[in-house]
Amino acid sequence: MHYNQEDLLKLAKRYQNAKRSYLLVNPLQAKHLAVSPEKALDMMETLGRQLYQKYPEARLIIGFAETATAVAAAAAMQFPENVCFLHTTREMLSGECLNFKEEHSHAVEQRLYLSGNLPETKEIILIDDEISTGKTIRNMVLQIRQEIPAYQNVKFIAASVINRVSPENLKLLEQEYILCDCLCKLENLDHTSQVEKFQVSAPEELPFSEKMAYQCIIARNKLPESRKLHTVQEYQKTFQAFAECAEKEIQPVLAGKKKILVLGTEECMYPALLLGKLLEQRGLLVRCHATTRSPIGICQDKNYPIQEGYALPSFYDPSRKTYIYNIDKTADVVLLVTDSKADTAQAMQTISILFPDSEKILIKG
């Protein structure tokens, strides 16, 4: 399947970010905008099949948090079962990690818990949703080569849905033995002037209300820790088991319902898409997207993609602010899918305010 700029790119304005004024919003990524889970997974799996055809010797795939966790996971699942996968994170976990910076981001620090039984490989694939300069990639590769001697001479492939790297920066990457691959190659344009015309406001602060009722399901089939290294086989087995288990658990609530909204939480996006796809295959009208740590400006202009947004406590840390955009409040059932081990009550009761007439279910994996 071929994807072009019209399929994959809308421009939004970052809210109070002096490093970069604009944000590329992919309507098929199931992050900021709601989309059919099958359409989102089709795009992600297309990238994975393309990468496997070109780089069949790769035995390690690394995704970038936060927005590319689902892209990377779905792409990795197109590789053989012995290939290893994990993604970076902004969360603190136990164990040693590599630290590097995503300097233009709202949350600069990235961590990579790359330890344990590392695979022997000639190629390592790094997957992001969009690459603009390649600087984050270079930072990460430098850290890996410094800390892991076995990977000093490995070839890296910087893969993405969209690649906007200039010819000059492509040469810098190639000099460091880093190649680029993507679904859609675009010019390295500065879109600042295109978003300057939009007058944006901050996402609306949602109040907290203990009155909002919801159901909580603790999944019997647990989600794998995708921030740690596992094989594709392990991921495929556990992700699918989680989705099938969750679908069975919510069957009583779905009786007579037609419109379903499935929301992931920050880095936990791929499991929400898998559950959404199962429900979509049953003939339900399903849309998926996710909460995010990225503050985006809100504007009601018809040519602007983010016309509604709300701030709420994080499902991972109630003291941290996260956001949700362009909510469809007409869904019959709203499913929140999370891998958080923290107390999620404040976040769930807050986001539930947006859906007073919907059945609300928190699924904890």
Protein backbone atom coordinates (compact mmCIF):
# COMPACT_ATOMS: atom_id res chain seq x y z
CA MET A 1 0.00 0.00 0.00
CA HIS A 2 1.29 3.47 -0.88
CA TYR A 3 1.03 6.40 1.54
CA ASN A 4 1.56 10.06 0.67
CA GLN A 5 1.65 13.41 2.45
CA GLU A 6 -2.11 13.85 2.24
CA ASP A 7 -2.60 10.55 4.08
CA LEU A 8 -0.04 11.12 6.82
CA LEU A 9 0.44 14.80 7.59
CA LYS A 10 -1.54 17.56 9.26
CA LEU A 11 0.07 20.56 10.96
CA ALA A 12 -0.71 21.68 14.48
CA LYS A 13 0.85 24.29 16.74
CA ARG A 14 2.74 23.23 19.84
CA TYR A 15 1.56 25.02 22.93
CA GLN A 16 4.30 27.15 24.52
CA ASN A 17 7.24 25.24 23.08
CA ALA A 18 10.04 27.61 22.11
CA LYS A 19 12.16 24.85 20.56
CA ARG A 20 9.80 24.05 17.69
CA SER A 21 6.51 25.83 17.06
CA TYR A 22 4.75 23.16 15.03
CA LEU A 23 3.84 19.51 15.41
CA LEU A 24 3.26 16.98 12.65
CA VAL A 25 0.00 15.16 13.33
CA ASN A 26 -0.51 11.84 11.57
CA PRO A 27 -4.24 11.07 11.27
CA LEU A 28 -3.51 7.34 10.86
CA GLN A 29 -1.28 6.99 13.93
CA ALA A 30 -4.04 6.64 16.56
CA LYS A 31 -2.34 9.11 18.88
CA HIS A 32 -3.80 12.61 18.71
CA LEU A 33 -6.67 11.88 16.30
CA ALA A 34 -9.20 9.04 16.41
CA VAL A 35 -8.95 6.49 13.61
CA SER A 36 -10.12 3.02 12.68
CA PRO A 37 -7.72 0.59 14.40
CA GLU A 38 -7.52 -1.52 11.26
CA LYS A 39 -6.44 1.49 9.19
CA ALA A 40 -3.82 2.45 11.79
CA LEU A 41 -2.42 -1.07 11.99
CA ASP A 42 -2.39 -1.39 8.19
CA MET A 43 -0.07 1.62 7.98
CA MET A 44 2.20 0.38 10.78
CA GLU A 45 2.39 -3.17 9.44
CA THR A 46 3.12 -1.88 5.93
CA LEU A 47 6.22 -0.17 7.32
CA GLY A 48 7.20 -3.40 9.07
CA ARG A 49 6.88 -5.53 5.95
CA GLN A 50 8.91 -3.00 3.98
CA LEU A 51 11.67 -3.09 6.59
CA TYR A 52 11.77 -6.88 6.75
CA GLN A 53 12.10 -7.13 2.96
CA LYS A 54 15.07 -4.75 3.00
CA TYR A 55 16.76 -5.74 6.27
CA PRO A 56 16.03 -9.42 6.95
CA GLU A 57 19.23 -9.83 9.00
CA ALA A 58 18.12 -7.36 11.69
CA ARG A 59 17.66 -9.09 15.04
CA LEU A 60 16.92 -6.05 17.20
CA ILE A 61 14.21 -3.40 16.75
CA ILE A 62 13.89 -0.34 19.02
CA GLY A 63 10.91 2.01 19.01
CA PHE A 64 10.77 5.58 20.25
CA ALA A 65 8.45 6.79 22.99
CA GLU A 66 5.99 8.27 23.16
CA THR A 67 4.21 8.55 19.85
CA ALA A 68 5.99 5.73 17.97
CA THR A 69 5.50 2.88 20.44
CA ALA A 70 2.58 1.39 18.50
CA VAL A 71 4.21 2.02 15.11
CA ALA A 72 7.35 0.22 16.23
CA ALA A 73 5.54 -2.68 17.90
CA ALA A 74 3.28 -3.34 14.91
CA ALA A 75 6.26 -3.11 12.55
CA ALA A 76 8.36 -5.44 14.70
CA MET A 77 5.60 -8.06 14.66
CA GLN A 78 6.23 -8.46 10.90
CA PHE A 79 9.68 -9.91 11.65
CA PRO A 80 10.59 -13.51 12.55
CA GLU A 81 9.84 -14.76 16.05
CA ASN A 82 13.47 -14.69 17.22
CA VAL A 83 13.89 -10.95 16.57
CA CYS A 84 13.98 -8.85 19.76
CA PHE A 85 11.99 -5.69 20.40
CA LEU A 86 11.61 -2.95 23.00
CA HIS A 87 10.93 0.77 23.02
CA THR A 88 12.43 3.74 24.81
CA THR A 89 10.56 5.29 27.69
CA ARG A 90 10.27 8.38 29.82
CA GLU A 91 9.20 6.27 32.80
CA MET A 92 11.57 5.21 35.58
CA LEU A 93 12.00 1.43 35.78
CA SER A 94 14.29 -0.83 37.75
CA GLY A 95 17.59 -1.79 36.17
CA GLU A 96 20.33 -0.06 34.23
CA CYS A 97 19.46 2.12 31.26
CA LEU A 98 21.02 4.29 28.58
CA ASN A 99 20.05 7.96 28.74
CA PHE A 100 19.81 10.23 25.73
CA LYS A 101 17.96 13.40 24.77
CA GLU A 102 15.16 14.24 22.34
CA GLU A 103 16.05 17.90 22.41
CA HIS A 104 13.08 19.46 20.58
CA SER A 105 10.53 17.57 22.66
CA HIS A 106 8.30 18.74 25.51
CA ALA A 107 9.89 15.95 27.60
CA VAL A 108 13.57 15.82 26.70
CA GLU A 109 14.85 12.81 28.63
CA GLN A 110 14.61 9.37 27.03
CA ARG A 111 15.65 6.07 28.60
CA LEU A 112 16.50 2.78 26.95
CA TYR A 113 16.53 -0.33 29.15
CA LEU A 114 18.62 -2.36 26.74
CA SER A 115 20.08 -5.11 28.89
CA GLY A 116 19.95 -8.84 29.43
CA ASN A 117 20.57 -11.41 26.73
CA LEU A 118 21.27 -9.09 23.80
CA PRO A 119 20.94 -10.66 20.35
CA GLU A 120 23.84 -10.95 17.95
CA THR A 121 22.99 -8.86 14.91
CA LYS A 122 24.52 -7.10 11.93
CA GLU A 123 21.71 -4.55 11.77
CA ILE A 124 19.62 -2.69 14.36
CA ILE A 125 16.41 -0.94 13.31
CA LEU A 126 15.30 2.21 15.14
CA ILE A 127 11.67 3.19 14.51
CA ASP A 128 10.13 6.63 15.04
CA ASP A 129 6.96 8.16 13.66
CA GLU A 130 8.79 11.08 12.07
CA ILE A 131 12.46 12.02 11.62
CA SER A 132 13.27 15.66 10.92
CA THR A 133 17.00 16.16 11.58
CA GLY A 134 18.24 12.78 12.78
CA LYS A 135 19.81 14.37 15.87
CA THR A 136 17.87 12.22 18.35
CA ILE A 137 18.85 9.12 16.35
CA ARG A 138 22.51 10.13 16.41
CA ASN A 139 22.37 10.77 20.16
CA MET A 140 20.92 7.34 20.74
CA VAL A 141 23.33 5.49 18.43
CA LEU A 142 26.28 7.22 20.09
CA GLN A 143 25.11 6.01 23.51
CA ILE A 144 24.56 2.45 22.31
CA ARG A 145 27.99 2.25 20.69
CA GLN A 146 29.70 3.69 23.76
CA GLU A 147 27.95 1.42 26.24
CA ILE A 148 27.62 -1.84 24.29
CA PRO A 149 30.91 -2.92 22.68
CA ALA A 150 29.23 -5.72 20.67
CA TYR A 151 27.23 -3.08 18.77
CA GLN A 152 30.09 -0.69 17.96
CA ASN A 153 30.29 -1.76 14.31
CA VAL A 154 26.64 -2.61 13.73
CA LYS A 155 24.72 -0.88 10.94
CA PHE A 156 21.72 1.13 12.18
CA ILE A 157 18.58 1.77 10.15
CA ALA A 158 16.61 4.88 11.15
CA ALA A 159 13.11 3.97 10.03
CA SER A 160 9.99 6.12 10.23
CA VAL A 161 6.57 6.73 8.76
CA ILE A 162 7.68 10.20 7.59
CA ASN A 163 11.26 11.24 6.87
CA ARG A 164 12.09 14.94 6.42
CA VAL A 165 15.87 14.74 6.85
CA SER A 166 17.82 17.15 4.64
CA PRO A 167 20.54 15.91 2.26
CA GLU A 168 23.17 17.45 4.56
CA ASN A 169 21.87 15.62 7.62
CA LEU A 170 21.47 12.39 5.63
CA LYS A 171 25.21 12.57 4.91
CA LEU A 172 25.96 13.05 8.61
CA LEU A 173 23.90 9.97 9.41
CA GLU A 174 25.56 7.92 6.66
CA GLN A 175 28.99 8.93 7.94
CA GLU A 176 28.03 7.31 11.24
CA TYR A 177 26.82 4.17 9.45
CA ILE A 178 23.15 5.04 9.91
CA LEU A 179 20.80 4.53 6.96
CA CYS A 180 17.27 5.91 6.62
CA ASP A 181 14.08 4.21 5.48
CA CYS A 182 10.46 5.39 5.53
CA LEU A 183 6.97 5.11 4.12
CA CYS A 184 6.89 8.74 2.97
CA LYS A 185 9.88 10.98 2.14
CA LEU A 186 9.16 14.72 2.33
CA GLU A 187 11.19 17.87 1.89
CA ASN A 188 12.88 19.32 4.94
CA LEU A 189 10.58 22.36 5.18
CA ASP A 190 10.14 24.67 8.15
CA HIS A 191 6.38 24.82 8.72
CA THR A 192 6.53 27.64 11.29
CA SER A 193 4.90 30.18 8.98
CA GLN A 194 2.04 27.81 8.20
CA VAL A 195 0.99 27.52 11.84
CA GLU A 196 1.69 31.13 12.86
CA LYS A 197 -1.67 32.24 11.46
CA PHE A 198 -3.55 30.08 13.96
CA GLN A 199 -4.44 31.68 17.28
CA VAL A 200 -4.38 28.80 19.74
CA SER A 201 -5.40 28.34 23.34
CA ALA A 202 -4.33 25.87 26.00
CA PRO A 203 -6.14 22.55 26.43
CA GLU A 204 -8.98 22.91 28.92
CA GLU A 205 -8.27 21.82 32.49
CA LEU A 206 -10.68 19.08 33.50
CA PRO A 207 -12.01 19.14 37.07
CA PHE A 208 -11.76 16.08 39.29
CA SER A 209 -14.99 14.38 40.30
CA GLU A 210 -15.30 11.29 42.48
CA LYS A 211 -18.93 11.01 41.33
CA MET A 212 -18.00 9.62 37.92
CA ALA A 213 -18.65 5.87 37.97
CA TYR A 214 -16.68 3.42 35.85
CA GLN A 215 -15.89 -0.26 35.79
CA CYS A 216 -12.35 -1.55 36.30
CA ILE A 217 -11.18 -4.85 34.82
CA ILE A 218 -7.85 -6.37 35.83
CA ALA A 219 -6.85 -8.46 32.84
CA ARG A 220 -6.08 -12.08 33.62
CA ASN A 221 -3.65 -12.18 30.69
CA LYS A 222 -1.13 -9.49 31.53
CA LEU A 223 0.55 -7.17 29.08
CA PRO A 224 4.28 -7.68 28.48
CA GLU A 225 6.67 -4.95 29.60
CA SER A 226 7.43 -3.45 26.20
CA ARG A 227 10.05 -1.14 27.73
CA LYS A 228 12.21 -4.24 28.33
CA LEU A 229 13.70 -6.65 25.81
CA HIS A 230 11.63 -9.64 24.63
CA THR A 231 11.38 -11.65 21.42
CA VAL A 232 8.70 -11.02 18.82
CA GLN A 233 7.33 -14.48 19.65
CA GLU A 234 6.86 -13.52 23.32
CA TYR A 235 5.22 -10.25 22.37
CA GLN A 236 2.88 -11.76 19.79
CA LYS A 237 1.69 -14.41 22.22
CA THR A 238 1.10 -12.10 25.18
CA PHE A 239 -0.32 -9.12 23.29
CA GLN A 240 -2.84 -11.28 21.47
CA ALA A 241 -3.78 -13.15 24.64
CA PHE A 242 -4.40 -9.84 26.41
CA ALA A 243 -6.63 -8.52 23.61
CA GLU A 244 -8.67 -11.72 23.42
CA CYS A 245 -9.04 -11.91 27.20
CA ALA A 246 -10.12 -8.26 27.42
CA GLU A 247 -12.66 -8.73 24.63
CA LYS A 248 -14.27 -11.63 26.51
CA GLU A 249 -14.35 -9.65 29.76
CA ILE A 250 -16.25 -6.74 28.22
CA GLN A 251 -18.77 -8.83 26.25
CA PRO A 252 -21.67 -8.20 28.70
CA VAL A 253 -21.25 -4.43 28.35
CA LEU A 254 -21.15 -4.52 24.54
CA ALA A 255 -24.60 -6.10 24.15
CA GLY A 256 -26.72 -3.77 22.01
CA LYS A 257 -23.90 -1.21 21.66
CA LYS A 258 -22.58 -0.01 18.30
CA LYS A 259 -20.07 2.81 18.77
CA ILE A 260 -16.88 2.05 20.72
CA LEU A 261 -13.98 4.35 21.62
CA VAL A 262 -10.74 2.66 22.69
CA LEU A 263 -8.15 4.90 24.33
CA GLY A 264 -4.55 4.00 25.05
CA THR A 265 -2.52 5.76 27.71
CA GLU A 266 0.70 7.57 26.76
CA GLU A 267 3.25 4.89 25.78
CA CYS A 268 0.64 2.11 25.96
CA MET A 269 -0.91 2.37 22.49
CA TYR A 270 -0.43 -0.93 20.68
CA PRO A 271 -2.62 -3.05 23.03
CA ALA A 272 -5.51 -0.60 22.58
CA LEU A 273 -5.22 -0.97 18.80
CA LEU A 274 -5.23 -4.77 19.00
CA LEU A 275 -8.34 -4.77 21.18
CA GLY A 276 -9.95 -2.20 18.89
CA LYS A 277 -9.26 -4.35 15.84
CA LEU A 278 -10.92 -7.39 17.45
CA LEU A 279 -14.02 -5.31 18.21
CA GLU A 280 -14.00 -3.81 14.71
CA GLN A 281 -13.91 -7.28 13.18
CA ARG A 282 -17.12 -8.04 15.08
CA GLY A 283 -18.85 -5.31 13.09
CA LEU A 284 -18.72 -2.56 15.70
CA LEU A 285 -17.85 1.03 14.82
CA VAL A 286 -14.52 1.46 16.60
CA ARG A 287 -12.12 4.38 16.85
CA CYS A 288 -8.77 4.51 18.67
CA HIS A 289 -6.41 7.14 19.94
CA ALA A 290 -4.53 7.86 23.18
CA THR A 291 -3.63 10.25 25.95
CA THR A 292 -0.32 12.05 25.49
CA ARG A 293 2.24 14.13 27.34
CA SER A 294 2.41 16.55 24.41
CA PRO A 295 0.66 19.94 24.90
CA ILE A 296 -0.89 21.08 21.61
CA GLY A 297 -2.61 24.38 20.93
CA ILE A 298 -6.38 24.32 20.39
CA CYS A 299 -8.04 26.20 17.54
CA GLN A 300 -11.55 26.00 16.07
CA ASP A 301 -10.43 26.91 12.54
CA LYS A 302 -11.83 24.33 10.10
CA ASN A 303 -8.37 23.88 8.57
CA TYR A 304 -6.73 23.13 11.92
CA PRO A 305 -6.61 19.47 13.08
CA ILE A 306 -6.84 19.88 16.87
CA GLN A 307 -10.09 21.66 17.66
CA GLU A 308 -10.68 20.37 21.16
CA GLY A 309 -8.32 19.35 23.96
CA TYR A 310 -8.29 18.60 27.66
CA ALA A 311 -5.65 18.34 30.37
CA LEU A 312 -5.92 15.57 32.96
CA PRO A 313 -3.71 13.72 35.47
CA SER A 314 -1.48 11.02 34.05
CA PHE A 315 -2.50 7.38 34.47
CA TYR A 316 1.12 6.76 35.50
CA ASP A 317 1.68 9.66 37.88
CA PRO A 318 -1.25 11.78 39.15
CA SER A 319 1.10 14.73 39.69
CA ARG A 320 1.97 14.79 35.98
CA LYS A 321 -0.23 16.47 33.38
CA THR A 322 -1.34 14.70 30.21
CA TYR A 323 -3.72 15.55 27.38
CA ILE A 324 -6.46 14.12 25.18
CA TYR A 325 -7.63 15.69 21.91
CA ASN A 326 -10.68 15.73 19.63
CA ILE A 327 -12.83 13.50 21.82
CA ASP A 328 -15.97 11.89 20.39
CA LYS A 329 -18.38 12.14 23.32
CA THR A 330 -21.11 10.16 21.55
CA ALA A 331 -19.49 6.73 21.99
CA ASP A 332 -21.72 4.10 23.59
CA VAL A 333 -18.73 2.51 25.34
CA VAL A 334 -15.35 4.02 26.23
CA LEU A 335 -12.51 1.59 26.95
CA LEU A 336 -9.30 2.83 28.59
CA VAL A 337 -6.39 0.43 28.10
CA THR A 338 -3.35 0.91 30.33
CA ASP A 339 -0.25 -0.90 31.54
CA SER A 340 0.09 1.47 34.50
CA LYS A 341 0.90 -0.05 37.88
CA ALA A 342 0.11 3.25 39.63
CA ASP A 343 -3.13 4.46 41.19
CA THR A 344 -5.25 5.34 38.16
CA ALA A 345 -8.41 6.45 39.99
CA GLN A 346 -7.81 10.19 39.69
CA ALA A 347 -7.04 10.00 35.98
CA MET A 348 -9.99 7.73 35.27
CA GLN A 349 -12.50 9.77 37.24
CA THR A 350 -11.27 12.94 35.57
CA ILE A 351 -11.42 11.68 31.99
CA SER A 352 -14.83 10.10 32.69
CA ILE A 353 -16.27 13.61 32.98
CA LEU A 354 -16.06 13.82 29.18
CA PHE A 355 -18.39 10.83 28.77
CA PRO A 356 -21.37 11.30 31.11
CA ASP A 357 -23.69 9.11 29.02
CA SER A 358 -21.23 6.36 28.02
CA GLU A 359 -20.33 3.08 29.63
CA LYS A 360 -16.77 3.53 30.88
CA ILE A 361 -14.36 0.66 31.47
CA LEU A 362 -10.74 0.79 32.59
CA ILE A 363 -8.78 -2.28 31.48
CA LYS A 364 -5.52 -2.69 33.40
CA GLY A 365 -2.97 -5.01 31.88
